[in-house]
């Protein structure tokens, strides 16, 4: 018998809605998952919501289980934790993470889900996709013992990167943001905090995650000679202007892109996307990541929530979505 579900769609730029879905019967190598939590990845999802994905980047920006196309109608998202209700015996009843949009139930290949470790709470495991981005960024940045590192931008990605990098021996990590309230989050993550004007200079590595032109300029300005900025921000259709006539050449500075859609060339040969996601879930045993959750809303409120997030009237770090059993 067909089973119904509900999903969040961007009907058109700036307009969200919840639509009914008819689920197929899962095949022998598929699972039926009932969603427990999802999470709004604010940077990319608000960009998608406002229709800011450039025409030339629409294929690269696709989420694994996206339906529709940019600018809309489109079903988009990739932070989902649920419980397997039907599928192979080894997964039945297990809590799993999947790179799936906001939907109450869904059917996917069994290979598309990764079991959440028993000692990782499902409400924290919803960050796995963001911590996976942080793992890839750490591989790209390639810190050395004792490096002085700054993360510019204390959003979801920046905070996860700061916590991951803080685990390297002898590394000093400073998190920089314009919002003074992020100091509390930085303290919970056991890293230093500074406003842009007070940020430490002479840094060996800077990871930029603010998605602003000013943030990227600051990231370059903080570097010591021969330093490297690893750029995580996705700007969409916004142009970015940089003044490269100063220290950029004389200081032999490097600006490097990092993108989670591909594995870092610095990771060990033979690693897979599943390995990287599994590592992210292992790292989420750390309760410090709970500091990222600053707000929570029920699934039914997603249309108005995305409107507020895109307009900047609903500030949040990690916004978790809850699902009533249905």
C-alpha atoms as a PDB file:
ATOM      1  CA  UNK A   1       0.000   0.000   0.000  1.00  0.00           C
ATOM      2  CA  UNK A   2       1.336   3.482  -0.881  1.00  0.00           C
ATOM      3  CA  UNK A   3       2.270   5.595   2.102  1.00  0.00           C
ATOM      4  CA  UNK A   4       1.905   9.366   2.287  1.00  0.00           C
ATOM      5  CA  UNK A   5       4.412  11.949   3.483  1.00  0.00           C
ATOM      6  CA  UNK A   6       4.898  15.715   3.404  1.00  0.00           C
ATOM      7  CA  UNK A   7       7.849  17.713   2.073  1.00  0.00           C
ATOM      8  CA  UNK A   8       9.022  21.333   2.093  1.00  0.00           C
ATOM      9  CA  UNK A   9       9.410  22.940  -1.335  1.00  0.00           C
ATOM     10  CA  UNK A  10      10.525  26.347  -2.565  1.00  0.00           C
ATOM     11  CA  UNK A  11       7.662  27.043  -4.956  1.00  0.00           C
ATOM     12  CA  UNK A  12       9.308  30.200  -6.338  1.00  0.00           C
ATOM     13  CA  UNK A  13      12.027  32.538  -5.027  1.00  0.00           C
ATOM     14  CA  UNK A  14      10.931  33.763  -1.605  1.00  0.00           C
ATOM     15  CA  UNK A  15       7.902  31.444  -1.402  1.00  0.00           C
ATOM     16  CA  UNK A  16       7.926  28.138   0.496  1.00  0.00           C
ATOM     17  CA  UNK A  17       5.197  25.560   0.933  1.00  0.00           C
ATOM     18  CA  UNK A  18       4.592  22.073   2.309  1.00  0.00           C
ATOM     19  CA  UNK A  19       3.402  19.539  -0.271  1.00  0.00           C
ATOM     20  CA  UNK A  20       1.971  16.034   0.038  1.00  0.00           C
ATOM     21  CA  UNK A  21       4.121  13.162  -1.250  1.00  0.00           C
ATOM     22  CA  UNK A  22       3.177   9.606  -2.208  1.00  0.00           C
ATOM     23  CA  UNK A  23       6.029   7.268  -1.321  1.00  0.00           C
ATOM     24  CA  UNK A  24       6.892   4.194  -3.366  1.00  0.00           C
ATOM     25  CA  UNK A  25       7.092   0.782  -1.731  1.00  0.00           C
ATOM     26  CA  UNK A  26      10.790   0.263  -0.801  1.00  0.00           C
ATOM     27  CA  UNK A  27      12.634  -2.304  -2.902  1.00  0.00           C
ATOM     28  CA  UNK A  28      14.953  -5.006  -1.528  1.00  0.00           C
ATOM     29  CA  UNK A  29      17.955  -2.637  -1.421  1.00  0.00           C
ATOM     30  CA  UNK A  30      16.054   0.410  -0.182  1.00  0.00           C
ATOM     31  CA  UNK A  31      14.961   1.800   3.180  1.00  0.00           C
ATOM     32  CA  UNK A  32      11.904   3.665   4.370  1.00  0.00           C
ATOM     33  CA  UNK A  33      12.980   6.338   6.857  1.00  0.00           C
ATOM     34  CA  UNK A  34      10.761   8.302   9.239  1.00  0.00           C
ATOM     35  CA  UNK A  35      12.365  11.672   9.915  1.00  0.00           C
ATOM     36  CA  UNK A  36      13.123  12.611  13.517  1.00  0.00           C
ATOM     37  CA  UNK A  37      15.050  15.852  12.908  1.00  0.00           C
ATOM     38  CA  UNK A  38      16.327  17.947  10.054  1.00  0.00           C
ATOM     39  CA  UNK A  39      18.358  21.134  10.163  1.00  0.00           C
ATOM     40  CA  UNK A  40      18.407  24.278   8.055  1.00  0.00           C
ATOM     41  CA  UNK A  41      21.824  24.909   6.528  1.00  0.00           C
ATOM     42  CA  UNK A  42      21.294  28.644   6.634  1.00  0.00           C
ATOM     43  CA  UNK A  43      23.870  29.821   4.102  1.00  0.00           C
ATOM     44  CA  UNK A  44      23.000  27.562   1.180  1.00  0.00           C
ATOM     45  CA  UNK A  45      19.307  27.126   1.959  1.00  0.00           C
ATOM     46  CA  UNK A  46      18.543  30.839   2.258  1.00  0.00           C
ATOM     47  CA  UNK A  47      20.478  31.411  -0.967  1.00  0.00           C
ATOM     48  CA  UNK A  48      18.310  28.765  -2.660  1.00  0.00           C
ATOM     49  CA  UNK A  49      15.179  30.203  -1.054  1.00  0.00           C
ATOM     50  CA  UNK A  50      15.774  33.685  -2.448  1.00  0.00           C
ATOM     51  CA  UNK A  51      16.628  32.306  -5.899  1.00  0.00           C
ATOM     52  CA  UNK A  52      20.306  33.250  -5.722  1.00  0.00           C
ATOM     53  CA  UNK A  53      21.866  30.195  -7.409  1.00  0.00           C
ATOM     54  CA  UNK A  54      23.586  31.411 -10.626  1.00  0.00           C
ATOM     55  CA  UNK A  55      22.500  29.714 -13.842  1.00  0.00           C
ATOM     56  CA  UNK A  56      26.040  28.497 -14.490  1.00  0.00           C
ATOM     57  CA  UNK A  57      26.287  26.779 -11.083  1.00  0.00           C
ATOM     58  CA  UNK A  58      22.945  25.012 -10.869  1.00  0.00           C
ATOM     59  CA  UNK A  59      24.259  21.530 -11.546  1.00  0.00           C
ATOM     60  CA  UNK A  60      27.118  21.869  -9.031  1.00  0.00           C
ATOM     61  CA  UNK A  61      24.696  23.218  -6.405  1.00  0.00           C
ATOM     62  CA  UNK A  62      22.267  20.283  -6.635  1.00  0.00           C
ATOM     63  CA  UNK A  63      21.691  18.365  -3.400  1.00  0.00           C
ATOM     64  CA  UNK A  64      21.884  14.526  -3.547  1.00  0.00           C
ATOM     65  CA  UNK A  65      18.104  13.976  -3.357  1.00  0.00           C
ATOM     66  CA  UNK A  66      16.931  17.297  -4.727  1.00  0.00           C
ATOM     67  CA  UNK A  67      13.740  17.344  -6.784  1.00  0.00           C
ATOM     68  CA  UNK A  68      12.866  20.108  -9.200  1.00  0.00           C
ATOM     69  CA  UNK A  69      15.351  22.689 -10.392  1.00  0.00           C
ATOM     70  CA  UNK A  70      16.596  26.152  -9.501  1.00  0.00           C
ATOM     71  CA  UNK A  71      15.208  28.722  -9.012  1.00  0.00           C
ATOM     72  CA  UNK A  72      12.041  26.701  -8.367  1.00  0.00           C
ATOM     73  CA  UNK A  73       9.943  24.806  -7.741  1.00  0.00           C
ATOM     74  CA  UNK A  74      12.651  22.871  -5.921  1.00  0.00           C
ATOM     75  CA  UNK A  75      12.898  20.530  -2.934  1.00  0.00           C
ATOM     76  CA  UNK A  76      16.285  21.213  -1.362  1.00  0.00           C
ATOM     77  CA  UNK A  77      18.136  20.296   1.832  1.00  0.00           C
ATOM     78  CA  UNK A  78      20.656  17.778   3.116  1.00  0.00           C
ATOM     79  CA  UNK A  79      20.649  17.457   6.915  1.00  0.00           C
ATOM     80  CA  UNK A  80      18.256  14.716   7.976  1.00  0.00           C
ATOM     81  CA  UNK A  81      18.184  12.128  10.782  1.00  0.00           C
ATOM     82  CA  UNK A  82      15.492   9.480  11.026  1.00  0.00           C
ATOM     83  CA  UNK A  83      14.704   5.914  11.982  1.00  0.00           C
ATOM     84  CA  UNK A  84      14.490   3.060   9.460  1.00  0.00           C
ATOM     85  CA  UNK A  85      10.966   1.617   9.405  1.00  0.00           C
ATOM     86  CA  UNK A  86      11.469  -0.840   6.538  1.00  0.00           C
ATOM     87  CA  UNK A  87      14.544  -2.210   4.828  1.00  0.00           C
ATOM     88  CA  UNK A  88      17.422  -4.673   5.264  1.00  0.00           C
ATOM     89  CA  UNK A  89      17.551  -6.415   8.631  1.00  0.00           C
ATOM     90  CA  UNK A  90      20.846  -4.766   9.572  1.00  0.00           C
ATOM     91  CA  UNK A  91      19.293  -1.293   9.348  1.00  0.00           C
ATOM     92  CA  UNK A  92      15.745  -1.963  10.538  1.00  0.00           C
ATOM     93  CA  UNK A  93      15.029   0.177  13.595  1.00  0.00           C
ATOM     94  CA  UNK A  94      18.394   1.963  13.368  1.00  0.00           C
ATOM     95  CA  UNK A  95      18.785   5.735  13.609  1.00  0.00           C
ATOM     96  CA  UNK A  96      20.445   6.954  10.416  1.00  0.00           C
ATOM     97  CA  UNK A  97      21.733  10.134   8.822  1.00  0.00           C
ATOM     98  CA  UNK A  98      20.940  10.942   5.194  1.00  0.00           C
ATOM     99  CA  UNK A  99      21.658  13.889   2.897  1.00  0.00           C
ATOM    100  CA  UNK A 100      17.920  14.300   2.340  1.00  0.00           C
ATOM    101  CA  UNK A 101      15.680  17.414   2.230  1.00  0.00           C
ATOM    102  CA  UNK A 102      13.032  18.330   4.801  1.00  0.00           C
ATOM    103  CA  UNK A 103      10.403  15.577   4.493  1.00  0.00           C
ATOM    104  CA  UNK A 104       8.435  13.556   7.039  1.00  0.00           C
ATOM    105  CA  UNK A 105       9.242  10.157   5.461  1.00  0.00           C
ATOM    106  CA  UNK A 106      11.277   9.092   2.445  1.00  0.00           C
ATOM    107  CA  UNK A 107      12.550   6.065   0.520  1.00  0.00           C
ATOM    108  CA  UNK A 108      16.209   5.949  -0.556  1.00  0.00           C
ATOM    109  CA  UNK A 109      18.801   3.294  -1.418  1.00  0.00           C
ATOM    110  CA  UNK A 110      20.142   1.643   1.717  1.00  0.00           C
ATOM    111  CA  UNK A 111      23.643   2.731   0.682  1.00  0.00           C
ATOM    112  CA  UNK A 112      22.556   6.385   0.998  1.00  0.00           C
ATOM    113  CA  UNK A 113      22.112   6.242   4.797  1.00  0.00           C
ATOM    114  CA  UNK A 114      24.786   5.963   7.474  1.00  0.00           C
ATOM    115  CA  UNK A 115      23.958   4.530  10.897  1.00  0.00           C
ATOM    116  CA  UNK A 116      24.326   6.992  13.750  1.00  0.00           C
ATOM    117  CA  UNK A 117      26.572   5.647  16.551  1.00  0.00           C
ATOM    118  CA  UNK A 118      24.563   4.595  19.594  1.00  0.00           C
ATOM    119  CA  UNK A 119      26.305   7.166  21.776  1.00  0.00           C
ATOM    120  CA  UNK A 120      25.521  10.117  19.464  1.00  0.00           C
ATOM    121  CA  UNK A 121      22.104  11.692  20.200  1.00  0.00           C
ATOM    122  CA  UNK A 122      19.970  11.910  17.047  1.00  0.00           C
ATOM    123  CA  UNK A 123      19.223  15.575  17.732  1.00  0.00           C
ATOM    124  CA  UNK A 124      22.990  16.263  17.531  1.00  0.00           C
ATOM    125  CA  UNK A 125      23.641  13.866  14.651  1.00  0.00           C
ATOM    126  CA  UNK A 126      21.663  16.167  12.348  1.00  0.00           C
ATOM    127  CA  UNK A 127      24.871  18.259  12.145  1.00  0.00           C
ATOM    128  CA  UNK A 128      26.740  15.416  10.413  1.00  0.00           C
ATOM    129  CA  UNK A 129      26.651  17.040   6.982  1.00  0.00           C
ATOM    130  CA  UNK A 130      28.067  20.292   8.373  1.00  0.00           C
ATOM    131  CA  UNK A 131      30.774  18.535  10.379  1.00  0.00           C
ATOM    132  CA  UNK A 132      31.596  16.603   7.196  1.00  0.00           C
ATOM    133  CA  UNK A 133      32.213  19.971   5.522  1.00  0.00           C
ATOM    134  CA  UNK A 134      34.484  20.877   8.435  1.00  0.00           C
ATOM    135  CA  UNK A 135      36.420  17.610   8.041  1.00  0.00           C
ATOM    136  CA  UNK A 136      36.971  18.316   4.344  1.00  0.00           C
ATOM    137  CA  UNK A 137      38.043  21.880   5.190  1.00  0.00           C
ATOM    138  CA  UNK A 138      40.549  20.584   7.737  1.00  0.00           C
ATOM    139  CA  UNK A 139      41.976  18.222   5.120  1.00  0.00           C
ATOM    140  CA  UNK A 140      42.232  21.121   2.648  1.00  0.00           C
ATOM    141  CA  UNK A 141      43.775  23.522   5.178  1.00  0.00           C
ATOM    142  CA  UNK A 142      46.290  20.861   6.265  1.00  0.00           C
ATOM    143  CA  UNK A 143      47.283  22.442   9.618  1.00  0.00           C
ATOM    144  CA  UNK A 144      50.657  21.708  11.151  1.00  0.00           C
ATOM    145  CA  UNK A 145      51.521  21.154  14.791  1.00  0.00           C
ATOM    146  CA  UNK A 146      51.480  24.507  16.576  1.00  0.00           C
ATOM    147  CA  UNK A 147      49.832  26.520  13.789  1.00  0.00           C
ATOM    148  CA  UNK A 148      48.081  29.797  14.608  1.00  0.00           C
ATOM    149  CA  UNK A 149      44.651  29.521  12.969  1.00  0.00           C
ATOM    150  CA  UNK A 150      41.720  31.907  12.649  1.00  0.00           C
ATOM    151  CA  UNK A 151      38.214  31.042  11.493  1.00  0.00           C
ATOM    152  CA  UNK A 152      36.367  34.100  10.138  1.00  0.00           C
ATOM    153  CA  UNK A 153      32.613  33.684  10.369  1.00  0.00           C
ATOM    154  CA  UNK A 154      30.933  31.997  13.334  1.00  0.00           C
ATOM    155  CA  UNK A 155      28.030  30.433  11.491  1.00  0.00           C
ATOM    156  CA  UNK A 156      27.261  26.720  11.455  1.00  0.00           C
ATOM    157  CA  UNK A 157      30.180  25.830   9.212  1.00  0.00           C
ATOM    158  CA  UNK A 158      32.664  28.182  10.859  1.00  0.00           C
ATOM    159  CA  UNK A 159      31.847  26.931  14.346  1.00  0.00           C
ATOM    160  CA  UNK A 160      32.174  23.292  13.284  1.00  0.00           C
ATOM    161  CA  UNK A 161      35.513  24.018  11.609  1.00  0.00           C
ATOM    162  CA  UNK A 162      36.776  25.805  14.723  1.00  0.00           C
ATOM    163  CA  UNK A 163      35.887  22.849  16.950  1.00  0.00           C
ATOM    164  CA  UNK A 164      37.467  20.303  14.595  1.00  0.00           C
ATOM    165  CA  UNK A 165      40.693  22.331  14.250  1.00  0.00           C
ATOM    166  CA  UNK A 166      40.882  22.885  18.004  1.00  0.00           C
ATOM    167  CA  UNK A 167      41.485  19.153  18.354  1.00  0.00           C
ATOM    168  CA  UNK A 168      44.910  19.392  16.652  1.00  0.00           C
ATOM    169  CA  UNK A 169      47.780  19.339  19.186  1.00  0.00           C
ATOM    170  CA  UNK A 170      49.364  22.693  19.916  1.00  0.00           C
ATOM    171  CA  UNK A 171      47.059  24.605  17.562  1.00  0.00           C
ATOM    172  CA  UNK A 172      45.701  27.988  18.694  1.00  0.00           C
ATOM    173  CA  UNK A 173      42.271  28.696  17.181  1.00  0.00           C
ATOM    174  CA  UNK A 174      40.503  32.052  17.218  1.00  0.00           C
ATOM    175  CA  UNK A 175      36.917  32.447  15.986  1.00  0.00           C
ATOM    176  CA  UNK A 176      36.091  35.896  14.568  1.00  0.00           C
ATOM    177  CA  UNK A 177      32.608  37.313  14.030  1.00  0.00           C
ATOM    178  CA  UNK A 178      30.818  40.666  14.011  1.00  0.00           C
ATOM    179  CA  UNK A 179      28.207  39.328  16.456  1.00  0.00           C
ATOM    180  CA  UNK A 180      29.488  39.624  20.048  1.00  0.00           C
ATOM    181  CA  UNK A 181      26.983  36.978  21.151  1.00  0.00           C
ATOM    182  CA  UNK A 182      29.091  34.375  19.315  1.00  0.00           C
ATOM    183  CA  UNK A 183      31.650  34.739  22.127  1.00  0.00           C
ATOM    184  CA  UNK A 184      29.514  32.437  24.266  1.00  0.00           C
ATOM    185  CA  UNK A 185      29.437  29.798  21.556  1.00  0.00           C
ATOM    186  CA  UNK A 186      33.204  30.095  21.088  1.00  0.00           C
ATOM    187  CA  UNK A 187      33.701  29.534  24.804  1.00  0.00           C
ATOM    188  CA  UNK A 188      31.569  26.387  24.649  1.00  0.00           C
ATOM    189  CA  UNK A 189      33.697  25.203  21.713  1.00  0.00           C
ATOM    190  CA  UNK A 190      36.885  25.887  23.726  1.00  0.00           C
ATOM    191  CA  UNK A 191      38.317  28.382  21.216  1.00  0.00           C
ATOM    192  CA  UNK A 192      39.202  32.066  21.534  1.00  0.00           C
ATOM    193  CA  UNK A 193      36.872  34.760  20.189  1.00  0.00           C
ATOM    194  CA  UNK A 194      37.418  38.237  18.738  1.00  0.00           C
ATOM    195  CA  UNK A 195      35.511  40.928  16.891  1.00  0.00           C
ATOM    196  CA  UNK A 196      37.055  41.811  13.496  1.00  0.00           C
ATOM    197  CA  UNK A 197      38.890  44.903  14.785  1.00  0.00           C
ATOM    198  CA  UNK A 198      40.483  42.900  17.597  1.00  0.00           C
ATOM    199  CA  UNK A 199      41.420  39.767  15.631  1.00  0.00           C
ATOM    200  CA  UNK A 200      44.975  38.489  16.031  1.00  0.00           C
ATOM    201  CA  UNK A 201      47.326  39.076  13.105  1.00  0.00           C
ATOM    202  CA  UNK A 202      50.205  36.986  11.822  1.00  0.00           C
ATOM    203  CA  UNK A 203      48.180  33.806  11.400  1.00  0.00           C
ATOM    204  CA  UNK A 204      49.530  30.765   9.591  1.00  0.00           C
ATOM    205  CA  UNK A 205      46.108  29.641   8.358  1.00  0.00           C
ATOM    206  CA  UNK A 206      42.745  31.373   8.072  1.00  0.00           C
ATOM    207  CA  UNK A 207      39.531  29.583   7.197  1.00  0.00           C
ATOM    208  CA  UNK A 208      36.913  31.957   5.789  1.00  0.00           C
ATOM    209  CA  UNK A 209      33.248  31.078   6.295  1.00  0.00           C
ATOM    210  CA  UNK A 210      31.379  34.389   6.605  1.00  0.00           C
ATOM    211  CA  UNK A 211      30.235  34.564   2.945  1.00  0.00           C
ATOM    212  CA  UNK A 212      30.949  38.312   2.939  1.00  0.00           C
ATOM    213  CA  UNK A 213      33.387  40.422   0.959  1.00  0.00           C
ATOM    214  CA  UNK A 214      34.562  42.159   4.159  1.00  0.00           C
ATOM    215  CA  UNK A 215      35.186  38.807   5.818  1.00  0.00           C
ATOM    216  CA  UNK A 216      37.344  37.560   2.958  1.00  0.00           C
ATOM    217  CA  UNK A 217      39.365  40.800   2.924  1.00  0.00           C
ATOM    218  CA  UNK A 218      39.902  40.434   6.672  1.00  0.00           C
ATOM    219  CA  UNK A 219      40.957  36.800   6.268  1.00  0.00           C
ATOM    220  CA  UNK A 220      43.749  37.798   3.883  1.00  0.00           C
ATOM    221  CA  UNK A 221      44.771  40.690   6.121  1.00  0.00           C
ATOM    222  CA  UNK A 222      45.218  38.390   9.134  1.00  0.00           C
ATOM    223  CA  UNK A 223      47.809  36.160   7.446  1.00  0.00           C
ATOM    224  CA  UNK A 224      51.507  35.974   8.191  1.00  0.00           C
ATOM    225  CA  UNK A 225      53.844  35.884   5.153  1.00  0.00           C
ATOM    226  CA  UNK A 226      53.302  32.699   3.117  1.00  0.00           C
ATOM    227  CA  UNK A 227      49.988  32.134   4.919  1.00  0.00           C
ATOM    228  CA  UNK A 228      46.947  30.444   3.395  1.00  0.00           C
ATOM    229  CA  UNK A 229      43.248  31.334   3.377  1.00  0.00           C
ATOM    230  CA  UNK A 230      40.933  28.366   2.835  1.00  0.00           C
ATOM    231  CA  UNK A 231      37.665  29.695   1.404  1.00  0.00           C
ATOM    232  CA  UNK A 232      34.479  27.827   2.350  1.00  0.00           C
ATOM    233  CA  UNK A 233      31.920  30.515   1.504  1.00  0.00           C
ATOM    234  CA  UNK A 234      29.456  30.096  -1.341  1.00  0.00           C
ATOM    235  CA  UNK A 235      28.531  33.515  -2.765  1.00  0.00           C
ATOM    236  CA  UNK A 236      25.987  32.421  -5.351  1.00  0.00           C
ATOM    237  CA  UNK A 237      25.138  35.316  -7.666  1.00  0.00           C
ATOM    238  CA  UNK A 238      26.970  37.955  -5.587  1.00  0.00           C
ATOM    239  CA  UNK A 239      30.190  39.486  -6.938  1.00  0.00           C
ATOM    240  CA  UNK A 240      33.188  39.748  -4.592  1.00  0.00           C
ATOM    241  CA  UNK A 241      35.837  42.459  -4.970  1.00  0.00           C
ATOM    242  CA  UNK A 242      39.274  42.147  -3.365  1.00  0.00           C
ATOM    243  CA  UNK A 243      42.147  44.610  -3.174  1.00  0.00           C
ATOM    244  CA  UNK A 244      45.166  42.486  -4.093  1.00  0.00           C
ATOM    245  CA  UNK A 245      47.636  45.301  -4.607  1.00  0.00           C
ATOM    246  CA  UNK A 246      49.006  45.279  -1.067  1.00  0.00           C
ATOM    247  CA  UNK A 247      50.416  42.305   0.855  1.00  0.00           C
ATOM    248  CA  UNK A 248      48.937  39.603  -1.349  1.00  0.00           C
ATOM    249  CA  UNK A 249      51.943  39.414  -3.685  1.00  0.00           C
ATOM    250  CA  UNK A 250      54.688  40.706  -1.403  1.00  0.00           C
ATOM    251  CA  UNK A 251      53.591  38.350   1.356  1.00  0.00           C
ATOM    252  CA  UNK A 252      53.215  35.379  -1.011  1.00  0.00           C
ATOM    253  CA  UNK A 253      49.716  34.743   0.309  1.00  0.00           C
ATOM    254  CA  UNK A 254      47.511  31.908  -0.957  1.00  0.00           C
ATOM    255  CA  UNK A 255      43.731  31.809  -1.433  1.00  0.00           C
ATOM    256  CA  UNK A 256      42.436  28.229  -1.777  1.00  0.00           C
ATOM    257  CA  UNK A 257      38.878  27.032  -2.369  1.00  0.00           C
ATOM    258  CA  UNK A 258      37.396  24.129  -0.395  1.00  0.00           C
ATOM    259  CA  UNK A 259      34.205  22.416  -1.532  1.00  0.00           C
ATOM    260  CA  UNK A 260      32.511  19.484   0.179  1.00  0.00           C
ATOM    261  CA  UNK A 261      31.134  18.167  -3.130  1.00  0.00           C
ATOM    262  CA  UNK A 262      34.557  16.635  -3.810  1.00  0.00           C
ATOM    263  CA  UNK A 263      36.983  14.858  -1.510  1.00  0.00           C
ATOM    264  CA  UNK A 264      40.014  16.918  -0.552  1.00  0.00           C
ATOM    265  CA  UNK A 265      43.120  15.892  -2.498  1.00  0.00           C
ATOM    266  CA  UNK A 266      44.943  15.942   0.851  1.00  0.00           C
ATOM    267  CA  UNK A 267      42.918  13.093   2.370  1.00  0.00           C
ATOM    268  CA  UNK A 268      44.386   9.590   2.388  1.00  0.00           C
ATOM    269  CA  UNK A 269      44.035   7.608  -0.864  1.00  0.00           C
ATOM    270  CA  UNK A 270      41.102   5.237  -0.826  1.00  0.00           C
ATOM    271  CA  UNK A 271      38.869   7.378   1.391  1.00  0.00           C
ATOM    272  CA  UNK A 272      35.257   7.595   0.222  1.00  0.00           C
ATOM    273  CA  UNK A 273      32.397  10.001   0.811  1.00  0.00           C
ATOM    274  CA  UNK A 274      30.900   7.414   3.168  1.00  0.00           C
ATOM    275  CA  UNK A 275      34.176   7.279   5.119  1.00  0.00           C
ATOM    276  CA  UNK A 276      34.157  11.054   5.469  1.00  0.00           C
ATOM    277  CA  UNK A 277      30.547  11.123   6.676  1.00  0.00           C
ATOM    278  CA  UNK A 278      31.246   8.282   9.109  1.00  0.00           C
ATOM    279  CA  UNK A 279      34.169  10.269  10.519  1.00  0.00           C
ATOM    280  CA  UNK A 280      31.886  13.281  10.984  1.00  0.00           C
ATOM    281  CA  UNK A 281      29.407  11.155  12.952  1.00  0.00           C
ATOM    282  CA  UNK A 282      32.248   9.830  15.123  1.00  0.00           C
ATOM    283  CA  UNK A 283      33.319  13.407  15.886  1.00  0.00           C
ATOM    284  CA  UNK A 284      29.755  14.211  16.957  1.00  0.00           C
ATOM    285  CA  UNK A 285      30.290  12.164  20.098  1.00  0.00           C
ATOM    286  CA  UNK A 286      31.651  15.490  21.344  1.00  0.00           C
ATOM    287  CA  UNK A 287      28.890  17.276  23.317  1.00  0.00           C
ATOM    288  CA  UNK A 288      30.489  20.665  22.603  1.00  0.00           C
ATOM    289  CA  UNK A 289      28.649  20.667  19.256  1.00  0.00           C
ATOM    290  CA  UNK A 290      25.357  21.115  21.142  1.00  0.00           C
ATOM    291  CA  UNK A 291      26.322  24.788  21.539  1.00  0.00           C
ATOM    292  CA  UNK A 292      25.467  25.347  17.859  1.00  0.00           C
ATOM    293  CA  UNK A 293      21.742  24.758  18.341  1.00  0.00           C
ATOM    294  CA  UNK A 294      20.256  28.154  19.081  1.00  0.00           C
ATOM    295  CA  UNK A 295      16.706  27.615  17.832  1.00  0.00           C
ATOM    296  CA  UNK A 296      14.161  24.900  17.030  1.00  0.00           C
ATOM    297  CA  UNK A 297      10.891  24.863  15.083  1.00  0.00           C
ATOM    298  CA  UNK A 298       8.303  22.261  14.052  1.00  0.00           C
ATOM    299  CA  UNK A 299       8.266  21.085  10.442  1.00  0.00           C
ATOM    300  CA  UNK A 300       4.955  22.832   9.777  1.00  0.00           C
ATOM    301  CA  UNK A 301       6.586  26.249  10.349  1.00  0.00           C
ATOM    302  CA  UNK A 302       9.301  25.843   7.700  1.00  0.00           C
ATOM    303  CA  UNK A 303       7.721  28.162   5.071  1.00  0.00           C
ATOM    304  CA  UNK A 304       7.567  31.140   7.412  1.00  0.00           C
ATOM    305  CA  UNK A 305      10.895  30.222   9.019  1.00  0.00           C
ATOM    306  CA  UNK A 306      12.786  30.318   5.684  1.00  0.00           C
ATOM    307  CA  UNK A 307      11.142  33.639   4.906  1.00  0.00           C
ATOM    308  CA  UNK A 308      12.423  35.066   8.188  1.00  0.00           C
ATOM    309  CA  UNK A 309      15.902  33.556   7.848  1.00  0.00           C
ATOM    310  CA  UNK A 310      16.308  34.852   4.293  1.00  0.00           C
ATOM    311  CA  UNK A 311      15.204  38.332   5.415  1.00  0.00           C
ATOM    312  CA  UNK A 312      17.572  38.291   8.394  1.00  0.00           C
ATOM    313  CA  UNK A 313      14.739  38.836  10.855  1.00  0.00           C
ATOM    314  CA  UNK A 314      15.193  35.462  12.567  1.00  0.00           C
ATOM    315  CA  UNK A 315      18.846  35.182  13.630  1.00  0.00           C
ATOM    316  CA  UNK A 316      19.949  31.639  14.348  1.00  0.00           C
ATOM    317  CA  UNK A 317      23.108  29.559  14.281  1.00  0.00           C
ATOM    318  CA  UNK A 318      21.877  25.996  13.758  1.00  0.00           C
ATOM    319  CA  UNK A 319      18.101  25.858  13.423  1.00  0.00           C
ATOM    320  CA  UNK A 320      16.809  22.354  14.149  1.00  0.00           C
ATOM    321  CA  UNK A 321      13.481  21.151  12.752  1.00  0.00           C
ATOM    322  CA  UNK A 322      11.370  18.720  14.751  1.00  0.00           C
ATOM    323  CA  UNK A 323       8.881  16.191  13.365  1.00  0.00           C
ATOM    324  CA  UNK A 324       5.838  14.820  15.131  1.00  0.00           C
ATOM    325  CA  UNK A 325       5.375  11.088  14.500  1.00  0.00           C
ATOM    326  CA  UNK A 326       2.937  10.558  11.646  1.00  0.00           C
END
